[in-house]
Amino acid sequence: RFTISRDNAKNTVYLQMNSLKVEDTAV
């Protein structure tokens, strides 16, 4: 459901979250 990726040229890390569930609720 989740995919982590990074773009070093942009100094950025991503977390793509799909099919979210209530139990994914968090900080």
PDB file of all heavy atoms in Angstrom:
ATOM      1  N   ARG A   1       0.806  -1.216   0.000  1.00  0.00           N
ATOM      2  CA  ARG A   1       0.000   0.000   0.000  1.00  0.00           C
ATOM      3  C   ARG A   1       0.842   1.271   0.000  1.00  0.00           C
ATOM      4  O   ARG A   1       0.468   2.264  -0.630  1.00  0.00           O
ATOM      5  CB  ARG A   1      -0.926   0.023   1.217  1.00  0.00           C
ATOM      6  CG  ARG A   1      -1.903  -1.146   1.258  1.00  0.00           C
ATOM      7  CD  ARG A   1      -2.933  -0.973   2.367  1.00  0.00           C
ATOM      8  NE  ARG A   1      -2.308  -0.910   3.690  1.00  0.00           N
ATOM      9  CZ  ARG A   1      -2.383   0.140   4.499  1.00  0.00           C
ATOM     10  NH1 ARG A   1      -3.058   1.227   4.133  1.00  0.00           N
ATOM     11  NH2 ARG A   1      -1.794   0.115   5.694  1.00  0.00           N
ATOM     12  N   PHE A   2       1.964   1.248   0.709  1.00  0.00           N
ATOM     13  CA  PHE A   2       2.833   2.421   0.807  1.00  0.00           C
ATOM     14  C   PHE A   2       4.107   2.189   0.002  1.00  0.00           C
ATOM     15  O   PHE A   2       4.622   1.067  -0.059  1.00  0.00           O
ATOM     16  CB  PHE A   2       3.228   2.691   2.256  1.00  0.00           C
ATOM     17  CG  PHE A   2       2.119   3.165   3.146  1.00  0.00           C
ATOM     18  CD1 PHE A   2       0.791   3.149   2.738  1.00  0.00           C
ATOM     19  CD2 PHE A   2       2.412   3.638   4.415  1.00  0.00           C
ATOM     20  CE1 PHE A   2      -0.230   3.585   3.568  1.00  0.00           C
ATOM     21  CE2 PHE A   2       1.403   4.078   5.261  1.00  0.00           C
ATOM     22  CZ  PHE A   2       0.083   4.054   4.835  1.00  0.00           C
ATOM     23  N   THR A   3       4.622   3.249  -0.571  1.00  0.00           N
ATOM     24  CA  THR A   3       5.871   3.184  -1.308  1.00  0.00           C
ATOM     25  C   THR A   3       6.763   4.348  -0.913  1.00  0.00           C
ATOM     26  O   THR A   3       6.355   5.509  -1.015  1.00  0.00           O
ATOM     27  CB  THR A   3       5.636   3.228  -2.826  1.00  0.00           C
ATOM     28  OG1 THR A   3       4.791   2.149  -3.221  1.00  0.00           O
ATOM     29  CG2 THR A   3       6.959   3.109  -3.575  1.00  0.00           C
ATOM     30  N   ILE A   4       7.963   4.036  -0.468  1.00  0.00           N
ATOM     31  CA  ILE A   4       8.934   5.068  -0.151  1.00  0.00           C
ATOM     32  C   ILE A   4       9.845   5.274  -1.356  1.00  0.00           C
ATOM     33  O   ILE A   4      10.205   4.317  -2.044  1.00  0.00           O
ATOM     34  CB  ILE A   4       9.753   4.708   1.108  1.00  0.00           C
ATOM     35  CG1 ILE A   4      10.638   5.884   1.531  1.00  0.00           C
ATOM     36  CG2 ILE A   4      10.566   3.444   0.900  1.00  0.00           C
ATOM     37  CD1 ILE A   4      11.310   5.687   2.887  1.00  0.00           C
ATOM     38  N   SER A   5      10.201   6.504  -1.607  1.00  0.00           N
ATOM     39  CA  SER A   5      11.101   6.822  -2.707  1.00  0.00           C
ATOM     40  C   SER A   5      11.884   8.073  -2.351  1.00  0.00           C
ATOM     41  O   SER A   5      11.571   8.763  -1.372  1.00  0.00           O
ATOM     42  CB  SER A   5      10.331   7.009  -4.019  1.00  0.00           C
ATOM     43  OG  SER A   5       9.425   8.096  -3.931  1.00  0.00           O
ATOM     44  N   ARG A   6      12.904   8.358  -3.136  1.00  0.00           N
ATOM     45  CA  ARG A   6      13.679   9.561  -2.884  1.00  0.00           C
ATOM     46  C   ARG A   6      14.162  10.151  -4.188  1.00  0.00           C
ATOM     47  O   ARG A   6      14.365   9.446  -5.183  1.00  0.00           O
ATOM     48  CB  ARG A   6      14.857   9.281  -1.944  1.00  0.00           C
ATOM     49  CG  ARG A   6      15.965   8.408  -2.525  1.00  0.00           C
ATOM     50  CD  ARG A   6      16.953   7.981  -1.443  1.00  0.00           C
ATOM     51  NE  ARG A   6      17.626   9.123  -0.832  1.00  0.00           N
ATOM     52  CZ  ARG A   6      18.246   9.098   0.343  1.00  0.00           C
ATOM     53  NH1 ARG A   6      18.266   7.965   1.044  1.00  0.00           N
ATOM     54  NH2 ARG A   6      18.828  10.189   0.823  1.00  0.00           N
ATOM     55  N   ASP A   7      14.351  11.441  -4.162  1.00  0.00           N
ATOM     56  CA  ASP A   7      14.914  12.173  -5.278  1.00  0.00           C
ATOM     57  C   ASP A   7      16.078  12.972  -4.716  1.00  0.00           C
ATOM     58  O   ASP A   7      15.892  14.042  -4.133  1.00  0.00           O
ATOM     59  CB  ASP A   7      13.870  13.085  -5.913  1.00  0.00           C
ATOM     60  CG  ASP A   7      14.364  13.764  -7.172  1.00  0.00           C
ATOM     61  OD1 ASP A   7      15.586  13.846  -7.379  1.00  0.00           O
ATOM     62  OD2 ASP A   7      13.518  14.225  -7.965  1.00  0.00           O
ATOM     63  N   ASN A   8      17.279  12.437  -4.866  1.00  0.00           N
ATOM     64  CA  ASN A   8      18.441  13.071  -4.265  1.00  0.00           C
ATOM     65  C   ASN A   8      18.747  14.436  -4.869  1.00  0.00           C
ATOM     66  O   ASN A   8      19.323  15.303  -4.202  1.00  0.00           O
ATOM     67  CB  ASN A   8      19.660  12.156  -4.380  1.00  0.00           C
ATOM     68  CG  ASN A   8      19.595  10.988  -3.425  1.00  0.00           C
ATOM     69  OD1 ASN A   8      18.817  10.985  -2.473  1.00  0.00           O
ATOM     70  ND2 ASN A   8      20.418   9.976  -3.671  1.00  0.00           N
ATOM     71  N   ALA A   9      18.379  14.624  -6.109  1.00  0.00           N
ATOM     72  CA  ALA A   9      18.584  15.924  -6.740  1.00  0.00           C
ATOM     73  C   ALA A   9      17.750  17.007  -6.076  1.00  0.00           C
ATOM     74  O   ALA A   9      18.105  18.184  -6.116  1.00  0.00           O
ATOM     75  CB  ALA A   9      18.267  15.847  -8.228  1.00  0.00           C
ATOM     76  N   LYS A  10      16.634  16.607  -5.471  1.00  0.00           N
ATOM     77  CA  LYS A  10      15.751  17.540  -4.792  1.00  0.00           C
ATOM     78  C   LYS A  10      15.844  17.457  -3.277  1.00  0.00           C
ATOM     79  O   LYS A  10      15.089  18.139  -2.575  1.00  0.00           O
ATOM     80  CB  LYS A  10      14.303  17.301  -5.224  1.00  0.00           C
ATOM     81  CG  LYS A  10      14.046  17.534  -6.700  1.00  0.00           C
ATOM     82  CD  LYS A  10      12.589  17.282  -7.052  1.00  0.00           C
ATOM     83  CE  LYS A  10      12.323  17.546  -8.516  1.00  0.00           C
ATOM     84  NZ  LYS A  10      10.908  17.291  -8.881  1.00  0.00           N
ATOM     85  N   ASN A  11      16.741  16.621  -2.765  1.00  0.00           N
ATOM     86  CA  ASN A  11      16.889  16.419  -1.324  1.00  0.00           C
ATOM     87  C   ASN A  11      15.557  16.059  -0.672  1.00  0.00           C
ATOM     88  O   ASN A  11      15.233  16.524   0.429  1.00  0.00           O
ATOM     89  CB  ASN A  11      17.474  17.663  -0.656  1.00  0.00           C
ATOM     90  CG  ASN A  11      18.952  17.836  -0.929  1.00  0.00           C
ATOM     91  OD1 ASN A  11      19.557  17.092  -1.684  1.00  0.00           O
ATOM     92  ND2 ASN A  11      19.546  18.844  -0.303  1.00  0.00           N
ATOM     93  N   THR A  12      14.806  15.216  -1.333  1.00  0.00           N
ATOM     94  CA  THR A  12      13.445  14.935  -0.897  1.00  0.00           C
ATOM     95  C   THR A  12      13.178  13.438  -0.823  1.00  0.00           C
ATOM     96  O   THR A  12      13.591  12.682  -1.703  1.00  0.00           O
ATOM     97  CB  THR A  12      12.429  15.588  -1.845  1.00  0.00           C
ATOM     98  OG1 THR A  12      12.672  16.999  -1.893  1.00  0.00           O
ATOM     99  CG2 THR A  12      11.007  15.349  -1.372  1.00  0.00           C
ATOM    100  N   VAL A  13      12.478  13.041   0.228  1.00  0.00           N
ATOM    101  CA  VAL A  13      11.989  11.686   0.401  1.00  0.00           C
ATOM    102  C   VAL A  13      10.468  11.729   0.364  1.00  0.00           C
ATOM    103  O   VAL A  13       9.857  12.649   0.922  1.00  0.00           O
ATOM    104  CB  VAL A  13      12.470  11.069   1.725  1.00  0.00           C
ATOM    105  CG1 VAL A  13      11.865   9.684   1.931  1.00  0.00           C
ATOM    106  CG2 VAL A  13      13.986  10.988   1.739  1.00  0.00           C
ATOM    107  N   TYR A  14       9.875  10.737  -0.270  1.00  0.00           N
ATOM    108  CA  TYR A  14       8.434  10.684  -0.412  1.00  0.00           C
ATOM    109  C   TYR A  14       7.878   9.420   0.229  1.00  0.00           C
ATOM    110  O   TYR A  14       8.550   8.395   0.330  1.00  0.00           O
ATOM    111  CB  TYR A  14       8.027  10.687  -1.887  1.00  0.00           C
ATOM    112  CG  TYR A  14       8.554  11.852  -2.675  1.00  0.00           C
ATOM    113  CD1 TYR A  14       9.721  11.740  -3.425  1.00  0.00           C
ATOM    114  CD2 TYR A  14       7.885  13.072  -2.680  1.00  0.00           C
ATOM    115  CE1 TYR A  14      10.209  12.806  -4.154  1.00  0.00           C
ATOM    116  CE2 TYR A  14       8.366  14.146  -3.403  1.00  0.00           C
ATOM    117  CZ  TYR A  14       9.526  14.007  -4.146  1.00  0.00           C
ATOM    118  OH  TYR A  14      10.000  15.074  -4.868  1.00  0.00           O
ATOM    119  N   LEU A  15       6.643   9.513   0.644  1.00  0.00           N
ATOM    120  CA  LEU A  15       5.897   8.336   1.066  1.00  0.00           C
ATOM    121  C   LEU A  15       4.544   8.388   0.379  1.00  0.00           C
ATOM    122  O   LEU A  15       3.678   9.186   0.748  1.00  0.00           O
ATOM    123  CB  LEU A  15       5.729   8.279   2.585  1.00  0.00           C
ATOM    124  CG  LEU A  15       5.058   7.015   3.120  1.00  0.00           C
ATOM    125  CD1 LEU A  15       5.965   5.797   2.906  1.00  0.00           C
ATOM    126  CD2 LEU A  15       4.705   7.155   4.593  1.00  0.00           C
ATOM    127  N   GLN A  16       4.389   7.559  -0.637  1.00  0.00           N
ATOM    128  CA  GLN A  16       3.116   7.445  -1.324  1.00  0.00           C
ATOM    129  C   GLN A  16       2.243   6.455  -0.569  1.00  0.00           C
ATOM    130  O   GLN A  16       2.626   5.298  -0.394  1.00  0.00           O
ATOM    131  CB  GLN A  16       3.326   6.977  -2.764  1.00  0.00           C
ATOM    132  CG  GLN A  16       2.034   6.790  -3.551  1.00  0.00           C
ATOM    133  CD  GLN A  16       1.310   8.092  -3.786  1.00  0.00           C
ATOM    134  OE1 GLN A  16       1.921   9.081  -4.202  1.00  0.00           O
ATOM    135  NE2 GLN A  16       0.015   8.116  -3.518  1.00  0.00           N
ATOM    136  N   MET A  17       1.096   6.899  -0.126  1.00  0.00           N
ATOM    137  CA  MET A  17       0.202   6.083   0.673  1.00  0.00           C
ATOM    138  C   MET A  17      -1.095   5.872  -0.096  1.00  0.00           C
ATOM    139  O   MET A  17      -1.821   6.821  -0.381  1.00  0.00           O
ATOM    140  CB  MET A  17      -0.081   6.740   2.022  1.00  0.00           C
ATOM    141  CG  MET A  17       1.174   7.075   2.814  1.00  0.00           C
ATOM    142  SD  MET A  17       0.814   7.724   4.466  1.00  0.00           S
ATOM    143  CE  MET A  17      -0.006   9.261   4.024  1.00  0.00           C
ATOM    144  N   ASN A  18      -1.365   4.626  -0.426  1.00  0.00           N
ATOM    145  CA  ASN A  18      -2.578   4.257  -1.144  1.00  0.00           C
ATOM    146  C   ASN A  18      -3.425   3.322  -0.289  1.00  0.00           C
ATOM    147  O   ASN A  18      -2.949   2.728   0.672  1.00  0.00           O
ATOM    148  CB  ASN A  18      -2.231   3.573  -2.466  1.00  0.00           C
ATOM    149  CG  ASN A  18      -1.459   4.452  -3.409  1.00  0.00           C
ATOM    150  OD1 ASN A  18      -1.675   5.667  -3.478  1.00  0.00           O
ATOM    151  ND2 ASN A  18      -0.549   3.844  -4.171  1.00  0.00           N
ATOM    152  N   SER A  19      -4.681   3.183  -0.677  1.00  0.00           N
ATOM    153  CA  SER A  19      -5.608   2.286   0.025  1.00  0.00           C
ATOM    154  C   SER A  19      -5.578   2.520   1.526  1.00  0.00           C
ATOM    155  O   SER A  19      -5.478   1.584   2.321  1.00  0.00           O
ATOM    156  CB  SER A  19      -5.280   0.827  -0.299  1.00  0.00           C
ATOM    157  OG  SER A  19      -5.350   0.583  -1.687  1.00  0.00           O
ATOM    158  N   LEU A  20      -5.684   3.758   1.914  1.00  0.00           N
ATOM    159  CA  LEU A  20      -5.543   4.117   3.318  1.00  0.00           C
ATOM    160  C   LEU A  20      -6.659   3.524   4.174  1.00  0.00           C
ATOM    161  O   LEU A  20      -7.812   3.435   3.749  1.00  0.00           O
ATOM    162  CB  LEU A  20      -5.511   5.625   3.468  1.00  0.00           C
ATOM    163  CG  LEU A  20      -4.178   6.267   3.078  1.00  0.00           C
ATOM    164  CD1 LEU A  20      -4.346   7.757   2.835  1.00  0.00           C
ATOM    165  CD2 LEU A  20      -3.143   6.017   4.170  1.00  0.00           C
ATOM    166  N   LYS A  21      -6.268   3.139   5.375  1.00  0.00           N
ATOM    167  CA  LYS A  21      -7.173   2.565   6.353  1.00  0.00           C
ATOM    168  C   LYS A  21      -7.261   3.473   7.567  1.00  0.00           C
ATOM    169  O   LYS A  21      -6.372   4.286   7.814  1.00  0.00           O
ATOM    170  CB  LYS A  21      -6.680   1.179   6.787  1.00  0.00           C
ATOM    171  CG  LYS A  21      -6.454   0.196   5.652  1.00  0.00           C
ATOM    172  CD  LYS A  21      -5.842  -1.092   6.179  1.00  0.00           C
ATOM    173  CE  LYS A  21      -5.595  -2.084   5.060  1.00  0.00           C
ATOM    174  NZ  LYS A  21      -4.973  -3.333   5.569  1.00  0.00           N
ATOM    175  N   VAL A  22      -8.315   3.301   8.342  1.00  0.00           N
ATOM    176  CA  VAL A  22      -8.476   4.089   9.552  1.00  0.00           C
ATOM    177  C   VAL A  22      -7.271   3.908  10.472  1.00  0.00           C
ATOM    178  O   VAL A  22      -6.806   4.871  11.101  1.00  0.00           O
ATOM    179  CB  VAL A  22      -9.776   3.714  10.286  1.00  0.00           C
ATOM    180  CG1 VAL A  22      -9.846   4.386  11.653  1.00  0.00           C
ATOM    181  CG2 VAL A  22     -10.986   4.103   9.450  1.00  0.00           C
ATOM    182  N   GLU A  23      -6.745   2.700  10.543  1.00  0.00           N
ATOM    183  CA  GLU A  23      -5.618   2.425  11.411  1.00  0.00           C
ATOM    184  C   GLU A  23      -4.317   3.069  10.952  1.00  0.00           C
ATOM    185  O   GLU A  23      -3.310   3.018  11.659  1.00  0.00           O
ATOM    186  CB  GLU A  23      -5.413   0.914  11.586  1.00  0.00           C
ATOM    187  CG  GLU A  23      -5.370   0.147  10.279  1.00  0.00           C
ATOM    188  CD  GLU A  23      -6.706  -0.475   9.920  1.00  0.00           C
ATOM    189  OE1 GLU A  23      -7.737   0.214  10.048  1.00  0.00           O
ATOM    190  OE2 GLU A  23      -6.719  -1.655   9.509  1.00  0.00           O
ATOM    191  N   ASP A  24      -4.313   3.678   9.772  1.00  0.00           N
ATOM    192  CA  ASP A  24      -3.158   4.439   9.322  1.00  0.00           C
ATOM    193  C   ASP A  24      -3.119   5.837   9.933  1.00  0.00           C
ATOM    194  O   ASP A  24      -2.135   6.560   9.751  1.00  0.00           O
ATOM    195  CB  ASP A  24      -3.145   4.562   7.796  1.00  0.00           C
ATOM    196  CG  ASP A  24      -2.946   3.229   7.104  1.00  0.00           C
ATOM    197  OD1 ASP A  24      -2.130   2.421   7.592  1.00  0.00           O
ATOM    198  OD2 ASP A  24      -3.598   3.003   6.068  1.00  0.00           O
ATOM    199  N   THR A  25      -4.172   6.224  10.618  1.00  0.00           N
ATOM    200  CA  THR A  25      -4.230   7.536  11.239  1.00  0.00           C
ATOM    201  C   THR A  25      -3.115   7.688  12.266  1.00  0.00           C
ATOM    202  O   THR A  25      -3.002   6.889  13.197  1.00  0.00           O
ATOM    203  CB  THR A  25      -5.587   7.760  11.907  1.00  0.00           C
ATOM    204  OG1 THR A  25      -6.612   7.760  10.911  1.00  0.00           O
ATOM    205  CG2 THR A  25      -5.621   9.092  12.645  1.00  0.00           C
ATOM    206  N   ALA A  26      -2.288   8.702  12.093  1.00  0.00           N
ATOM    207  CA  ALA A  26      -1.148   8.924  12.971  1.00  0.00           C
ATOM    208  C   ALA A  26      -0.435  10.195  12.547  1.00  0.00           C
ATOM    209  O   ALA A  26      -0.726  10.766  11.492  1.00  0.00           O
ATOM    210  CB  ALA A  26      -0.177   7.739  12.916  1.00  0.00           C
ATOM    211  N   VAL A  27       0.499  10.618  13.378  1.00  0.00           N
ATOM    212  CA  VAL A  27       1.446  11.639  12.977  1.00  0.00           C
ATOM    213  C   VAL A  27       2.614  10.926  12.313  1.00  0.00           C
ATOM    214  O   VAL A  27       3.193  10.004  12.886  1.00  0.00           O
ATOM    215  CB  VAL A  27       1.934  12.477  14.167  1.00  0.00           C
ATOM    216  CG1 VAL A  27       2.975  13.493  13.716  1.00  0.00           C
ATOM    217  CG2 VAL A  27       0.754  13.190  14.823  1.00  0.00           C
TER     218      VAL A  27
END
